Each structure stands twice: as structure tokens, then as C-alpha cells.
Protein backbone atom coordinates (compact mmCIF):
# COMPACT_ATOMS: atom_id res chain seq x y z
CA MET A 1 -37.16 -7.64 0.84
CA ILE A 2 -33.75 -8.45 2.28
CA ALA A 3 -30.86 -6.33 1.04
CA MET A 4 -28.22 -7.71 -1.32
CA LYS A 5 -25.54 -7.62 1.36
CA ASN A 6 -27.84 -9.48 3.73
CA ALA A 7 -28.53 -12.14 1.08
CA THR A 8 -24.80 -12.70 0.63
CA ASP A 9 -24.25 -12.79 4.38
CA LEU A 10 -27.05 -15.32 4.75
CA LEU A 11 -25.46 -17.59 2.16
CA LYS A 12 -22.06 -17.26 3.84
CA GLY A 13 -23.77 -18.02 7.15
CA TYR A 14 -25.11 -21.24 5.68
CA PHE A 15 -21.63 -22.15 4.40
CA TYR A 16 -20.23 -21.41 7.86
CA LYS A 17 -22.70 -23.84 9.43
CA SER A 18 -21.77 -26.46 6.84
CA LEU A 19 -18.11 -25.99 7.68
CA LEU A 20 -18.86 -26.59 11.35
CA ILE A 21 -20.65 -29.83 10.47
CA GLN A 22 -17.74 -30.89 8.25
CA LEU A 23 -15.35 -30.04 11.06
CA SER A 24 -17.30 -32.27 13.43
CA THR A 25 -16.73 -35.23 11.10
CA LYS A 26 -13.00 -34.92 11.75
CA THR A 27 -13.65 -36.28 15.23
CA ILE A 28 -15.04 -39.48 13.70
CA ASP A 29 -12.34 -42.11 13.61
CA ASP A 30 -13.10 -44.11 10.47
CA ASN A 31 -10.44 -46.63 11.49
CA TRP A 32 -12.06 -47.23 14.86
CA GLY A 33 -12.33 -50.87 15.77
CA GLN A 34 -10.01 -52.21 13.08
CA GLU A 35 -7.69 -53.70 15.70
CA LEU A 36 -10.56 -54.73 17.95
CA SER A 37 -10.81 -58.44 18.69
CA ILE A 38 -13.74 -58.49 21.08
CA SER A 39 -15.81 -55.87 22.88
CA ILE A 40 -18.77 -56.16 25.23
CA THR A 41 -20.56 -52.96 26.26
CA ASN A 42 -23.62 -52.85 28.51
CA HIS A 43 -26.08 -49.98 28.50
CA VAL A 44 -26.97 -48.44 31.86
CA PHE A 45 -28.96 -45.35 32.70
CA THR A 46 -29.88 -43.36 35.79
CA ASP A 47 -33.02 -44.57 37.53
CA PRO A 48 -35.28 -41.49 37.82
CA PHE A 49 -37.29 -43.09 40.66
CA GLN A 50 -34.71 -44.47 43.03
CA ILE A 51 -31.89 -43.17 45.21
CA VAL A 52 -29.75 -44.65 47.96
CA GLU A 53 -29.32 -42.58 51.10
CA GLN A 54 -26.52 -43.07 53.61
CA THR A 55 -27.48 -41.84 57.08
CA ASP A 56 -24.83 -43.50 59.22
CA GLU A 57 -23.10 -40.64 61.04
CA ILE A 58 -19.62 -42.17 60.82
CA GLN A 59 -19.96 -42.83 57.06
CA VAL A 60 -21.44 -39.38 56.44
CA LYS A 61 -18.66 -37.71 58.45
CA HIS A 62 -16.02 -39.65 56.54
CA PHE A 63 -17.54 -38.67 53.19
CA ASN A 64 -17.77 -35.00 54.18
CA GLN A 65 -14.13 -35.01 55.17
CA LEU A 66 -13.10 -36.55 51.86
CA MET A 67 -15.21 -34.19 49.75
CA ASN A 68 -14.87 -31.11 51.96
CA THR A 69 -18.64 -30.88 52.32
CA ASP A 70 -21.07 -30.55 55.21
CA LEU A 71 -24.04 -32.71 54.21
CA PRO A 72 -26.48 -34.19 56.75
CA THR A 73 -26.86 -37.35 54.66
CA ILE A 74 -25.28 -38.72 51.52
CA LYS A 75 -27.49 -39.58 48.52
CA TRP A 76 -26.56 -41.57 45.43
CA ARG A 77 -28.51 -41.89 42.22
CA MET A 78 -29.10 -45.50 41.25
CA VAL A 79 -28.53 -46.86 37.76
CA LYS A 80 -30.55 -49.48 35.91
CA SER A 81 -29.40 -52.00 33.34
CA PRO A 82 -31.97 -53.01 30.69
CA GLN A 83 -29.67 -55.86 29.60
CA SER A 84 -29.02 -54.14 26.29
CA GLN A 85 -25.59 -55.06 25.06
CA LEU A 86 -23.20 -54.41 22.19
CA TYR A 87 -21.31 -57.60 21.52
CA ILE A 88 -18.61 -57.16 18.92
CA VAL A 89 -16.49 -60.08 17.76
CA LYS A 90 -14.38 -60.83 14.70
CA GLU A 91 -17.34 -62.29 12.79
CA ASN A 92 -19.60 -59.21 13.07
CA LYS A 93 -16.96 -56.48 13.49
CA ASP A 94 -16.82 -55.15 9.92
CA GLU A 95 -20.58 -55.00 9.54
CA PHE A 96 -21.06 -53.40 12.94
CA ILE A 97 -18.39 -50.72 12.46
CA SER A 98 -19.68 -49.83 9.01
CA SER A 99 -23.24 -49.52 10.32
CA ALA A 100 -22.19 -47.48 13.35
CA LEU A 101 -20.21 -44.98 11.26
CA SER A 102 -23.10 -44.70 8.81
CA GLN A 103 -25.43 -43.79 11.66
CA LEU A 104 -23.13 -40.93 12.65
CA TYR A 105 -23.00 -39.54 9.12
CA LEU A 106 -26.75 -39.97 8.63
CA GLN A 107 -27.47 -37.98 11.77
CA LEU A 108 -25.09 -35.24 10.61
CA SER A 109 -26.94 -35.07 7.28
CA ILE A 110 -30.10 -33.91 9.06
CA PRO A 111 -28.80 -30.45 10.11
CA LEU A 112 -27.51 -29.98 6.54
CA PHE A 113 -31.11 -30.17 5.38
CA GLU A 114 -32.53 -28.12 8.26
CA ASN A 115 -29.97 -25.35 7.81
CA LEU A 116 -30.78 -25.20 4.11
CA MET A 117 -34.49 -24.80 4.86
CA VAL A 118 -33.68 -21.85 7.14
CA LEU A 119 -31.66 -20.26 4.34
CA LEU A 120 -34.35 -20.83 1.71
CA LYS A 121 -37.05 -19.36 3.93
CA SER A 122 -34.91 -16.25 4.45
CA PHE A 123 -34.94 -15.65 0.68
CA LEU A 124 -38.75 -15.81 0.47
CA ASP A 125 -41.05 -12.82 0.80
CA ASN A 126 -44.33 -14.54 1.65
CA CYS A 127 -43.54 -17.82 3.36
CA THR A 128 -44.81 -18.02 6.95
CA SER A 129 -44.64 -21.81 7.31
CA TRP A 130 -41.66 -23.66 8.75
CA LYS A 131 -42.70 -26.94 7.13
CA SER A 132 -40.05 -27.98 4.66
CA PHE A 133 -42.70 -29.09 2.14
CA ASN A 134 -44.16 -25.59 2.10
CA ILE A 135 -40.79 -23.84 2.02
CA ILE A 136 -39.75 -25.82 -1.06
CA ASN A 137 -43.06 -25.12 -2.79
CA ASN A 138 -42.85 -21.43 -1.94
CA LEU A 139 -39.37 -21.35 -3.43
CA TYR A 140 -40.79 -22.77 -6.64
CA THR A 141 -43.67 -20.28 -6.70
CA GLU A 142 -41.55 -17.23 -5.98
CA PHE A 143 -38.59 -18.07 -8.22
CA ASN A 144 -40.18 -20.18 -10.96
CA PRO A 145 -38.64 -18.41 -14.01
CA GLU A 146 -35.26 -18.07 -12.34
CA LEU A 147 -35.19 -21.73 -11.31
CA LYS A 148 -36.08 -22.92 -14.81
CA ASP A 149 -33.35 -20.75 -16.28
CA LEU A 150 -30.69 -21.88 -13.81
CA ASP A 151 -31.72 -25.55 -14.05
CA GLU A 152 -31.14 -25.40 -17.79
CA LYS A 153 -27.67 -23.97 -17.21
CA ASN A 154 -26.82 -26.39 -14.41
CA VAL A 155 -24.06 -28.78 -15.47
CA SER A 156 -23.81 -30.57 -12.12
CA TYR A 157 -26.84 -32.50 -10.92
CA LYS A 158 -28.98 -31.97 -14.07
CA TYR A 159 -32.25 -32.51 -12.21
CA PRO A 160 -34.94 -29.94 -11.37
CA THR A 161 -33.80 -28.27 -8.16
CA ILE A 162 -37.28 -28.43 -6.65
CA LEU A 163 -37.56 -32.17 -7.24
CA LEU A 164 -34.07 -32.63 -5.82
CA LEU A 165 -35.14 -30.73 -2.69
CA HIS A 166 -38.26 -32.86 -2.29
CA SER A 167 -36.17 -36.01 -2.75
CA LEU A 168 -33.72 -34.90 -0.06
CA ARG A 169 -36.70 -34.04 2.15
CA LEU A 170 -37.95 -37.63 1.87
CA PHE A 171 -34.51 -38.98 2.72
CA ARG A 172 -34.36 -36.66 5.75
CA ASN A 173 -37.84 -37.77 6.86
CA CYS A 174 -36.95 -41.43 6.51
CA ILE A 175 -33.74 -41.06 8.52
CA THR A 176 -35.53 -39.07 11.23
CA HIS A 177 -38.82 -40.93 11.47
CA ALA A 178 -38.32 -44.40 9.97
CA ASP A 179 -34.84 -45.45 11.10
CA GLY A 180 -33.57 -45.19 7.53
CA GLU A 181 -35.64 -48.13 6.29
CA VAL A 182 -35.47 -48.28 2.49
CA SER A 183 -38.96 -49.77 2.30
CA ASP A 184 -40.36 -46.68 4.04
CA LEU A 185 -38.37 -44.42 1.73
CA GLU A 186 -39.71 -46.13 -1.38
CA LYS A 187 -43.24 -45.84 -0.04
CA ALA A 188 -42.70 -42.10 0.54
CA PHE A 189 -41.61 -41.68 -3.08
CA ASP A 190 -44.65 -43.65 -4.27
CA ASP A 191 -46.97 -41.57 -2.08
CA TYR A 192 -45.51 -38.33 -3.46
CA ASN A 193 -46.08 -39.45 -7.05
CA LYS A 194 -49.57 -40.70 -6.22
CA ASN A 195 -50.48 -37.36 -4.62
CA LEU A 196 -49.12 -35.64 -7.73
CA ASP A 197 -51.31 -37.77 -10.01
CA GLU A 198 -54.36 -37.05 -7.84
CA ASN A 199 -53.70 -33.28 -7.79
CA ARG A 200 -53.70 -33.15 -4.00
CA ASN A 201 -53.28 -29.79 -2.29
CA GLY A 202 -49.69 -28.67 -2.39
CA TYR A 203 -48.89 -30.91 -5.34
CA LYS A 204 -50.82 -29.14 -8.10
CA ILE A 205 -48.16 -26.46 -8.57
CA LEU A 206 -45.54 -29.21 -9.01
CA LYS A 207 -47.42 -30.96 -11.80
CA ASP A 208 -45.29 -29.60 -14.62
CA LEU A 209 -42.12 -30.99 -13.02
CA GLY A 210 -43.36 -34.56 -13.24
CA HIS A 211 -42.77 -37.49 -10.91
CA LEU A 212 -39.98 -37.87 -8.41
CA SER A 213 -37.30 -40.22 -9.66
CA LYS A 214 -36.14 -42.77 -7.11
CA THR A 215 -32.59 -41.50 -7.37
CA LYS A 216 -30.24 -41.88 -4.39
CA PHE A 217 -28.05 -38.92 -5.34
CA CYS A 218 -25.25 -38.97 -2.76
CA TYR A 219 -26.96 -41.42 -0.42
CA ARG A 220 -26.33 -45.14 -0.67
CA PHE A 221 -28.06 -48.28 0.51
CA SER A 222 -26.62 -50.94 2.81
CA LYS A 223 -25.31 -54.20 1.35
CA GLU A 224 -28.65 -55.87 2.06
CA GLY A 225 -30.48 -52.94 0.46
CA THR A 226 -32.62 -52.41 3.56
CA LYS A 227 -31.12 -49.25 5.11
CA ILE A 228 -30.06 -45.82 3.92
CA PHE A 229 -26.28 -45.68 4.20
CA LEU A 230 -23.61 -42.96 4.29
CA ASP A 231 -19.86 -43.24 4.56
CA LYS A 232 -17.22 -40.50 4.71
CA LYS A 233 -16.97 -40.03 0.93
CA ALA A 234 -20.75 -40.04 0.40
CA PHE A 235 -21.25 -37.54 3.21
CA LYS A 236 -18.65 -35.21 1.71
CA ASP A 237 -20.44 -35.40 -1.66
CA LEU A 238 -23.80 -34.76 0.03
CA THR A 239 -22.44 -31.70 1.80
CA ASP A 240 -21.23 -30.32 -1.51
CA LEU A 241 -24.62 -31.00 -3.11
CA TYR A 242 -26.39 -29.02 -0.38
CA SER A 243 -23.96 -26.12 -0.92
CA GLN A 244 -24.73 -26.19 -4.64
CA ILE A 245 -28.46 -25.95 -3.95
CA ALA A 246 -27.89 -23.08 -1.52
CA TYR A 247 -25.94 -21.25 -4.22
CA VAL A 248 -28.69 -21.87 -6.79
CA ALA A 249 -31.26 -20.35 -4.41
CA TYR A 250 -28.98 -17.35 -3.88
CA ARG A 251 -28.60 -16.89 -7.63
CA CYS A 252 -32.40 -17.06 -8.00
CA PHE A 253 -32.74 -14.23 -5.51
CA CYS A 254 -30.14 -12.16 -7.34
CA GLU A 255 -31.71 -12.68 -10.77
CA LYS A 256 -35.23 -11.95 -9.58
CA HIS A 257 -34.17 -8.63 -8.03
CA ASN A 258 -31.70 -7.66 -10.79
CA LEU A 259 -28.73 -7.85 -8.46
CA THR A 260 -25.20 -9.00 -9.17
CA ALA A 261 -24.21 -12.13 -7.28
CA GLU A 262 -21.27 -11.34 -5.05
CA ILE A 263 -20.19 -14.97 -4.72
């Protein structure tokens, strides 16, 4: 079992990582593109199969003099253009900027989840799996009485912590593996509830918690309702929600081992 001081340090370590992620959002200019009238950007990438080699002695000598080198030949990597283009004009600017910023915040939400899984696993005695599904279930098995007690006292999200974690897991999976498509997210929720009804392995222990509610929590959907969406405010709220869950897990550990929470 980890020592009390270590448990507190682990929680603070999680908060430190969250602060770094929050700090990175300060580099995102939410006003970017507001004064933009038109922008055309072409995508190019380095061709891994082609180089250009200059062997002309005069040209090579001239290059070596400029660069203070002594190369026998000069080689350049070639670039390819797949004709992929960002074309931003007044008519599509607002929608494009909103979508682009959302993509940044969605990608930053992924390490919030992953860091939390690392923290949760560190509080568990018998969890050898790194699969988030198993970590969450192990948390429920190991701290069942403590979780029920703290969920009853919780005045914030008022939803079983384990179900909240599984909901956030499905959002993370959809962002990572399904390009944030809401249709895929809804199917994932339906599949979870179906597996619960059919008592599939890994779901039996969750039976008493009931079905997952298709609640967005801090996430939002795009105007068309087709994509998961995050803006600056929603991301800030999501970060706080993850910190709340981390603190609940820490309190579970303290209560189970008759320790006084230091935070």
C-alpha cells in the first residue's frame, strides 16, 4: 500500500500536470482570425523517397563557402503537395475558426483523462491492467463503500463517480478513434447499456449503478449536432471536473485506510 504522504504527493502531481495543460491553453489565441479577410494555406510534406543532388563542382564549392562546410555534393530533400488546402474566406471564417479552436481543446482533453487514469491506478492495490475500462472497474471494486458514501455527500456533479468516469472514457474514445462524431458516441453509449443488460464480462459488477445517461457534462455538440465540441469555457469546466474526480478518488483512499486527507 502506498503511504499517506505518497498519496497526497500523487494527487498534487496530477494537479501539477493539469496546471501544465491549462498553461498550454494560454498560447491559444481565441481571437485568431477575427480580422482575417482571406487565407489560403497549402499542405506540403517531405518526400521520404526522393532527394535532389547537386554535383556541379562550381555550385558545390559556392555552397560550401556560404555554409562553411566541406561537402562533396549537396543534397536537398524534396517536398510533395497533396493539393490539400485550407481556404478561409468571410463566408466560412466563423465556422472554421470555431471548429479549429475546438479541435485544439478536444486534443488537450485527452491527456486530462490519461493522467487521471495514471493517478487512479496508483491508488489501487491489485490492478495490473492499463486499460481504462479495467482501471475504472477496479476503482469501483476496491473502494465501493467509500465511493457510495462520497457520492451521497457530493453536491457538485450528483452522478455516480464510476458512471461519470465511464462516460468520460467514451468521450475520450470517440475523440481519439472516431473524429468526435456524435453518432459514434451515441452508439458507444448504447453498446455500454446493452452490454450491461446482457451481463457481459466486466459489466456485471456495474449492474447496481444502472445505465449510462447520455449526459454531455462539460462537453458540447457543434451547431449541427454532429461533432463533439469544446470551447475555452467548456474546457476550463472540464478541467475542474477532472480535478474533482481526482480528489474524490484521493478521499476514497484516505477513508478506506483510516487516514486524514491532507488536502
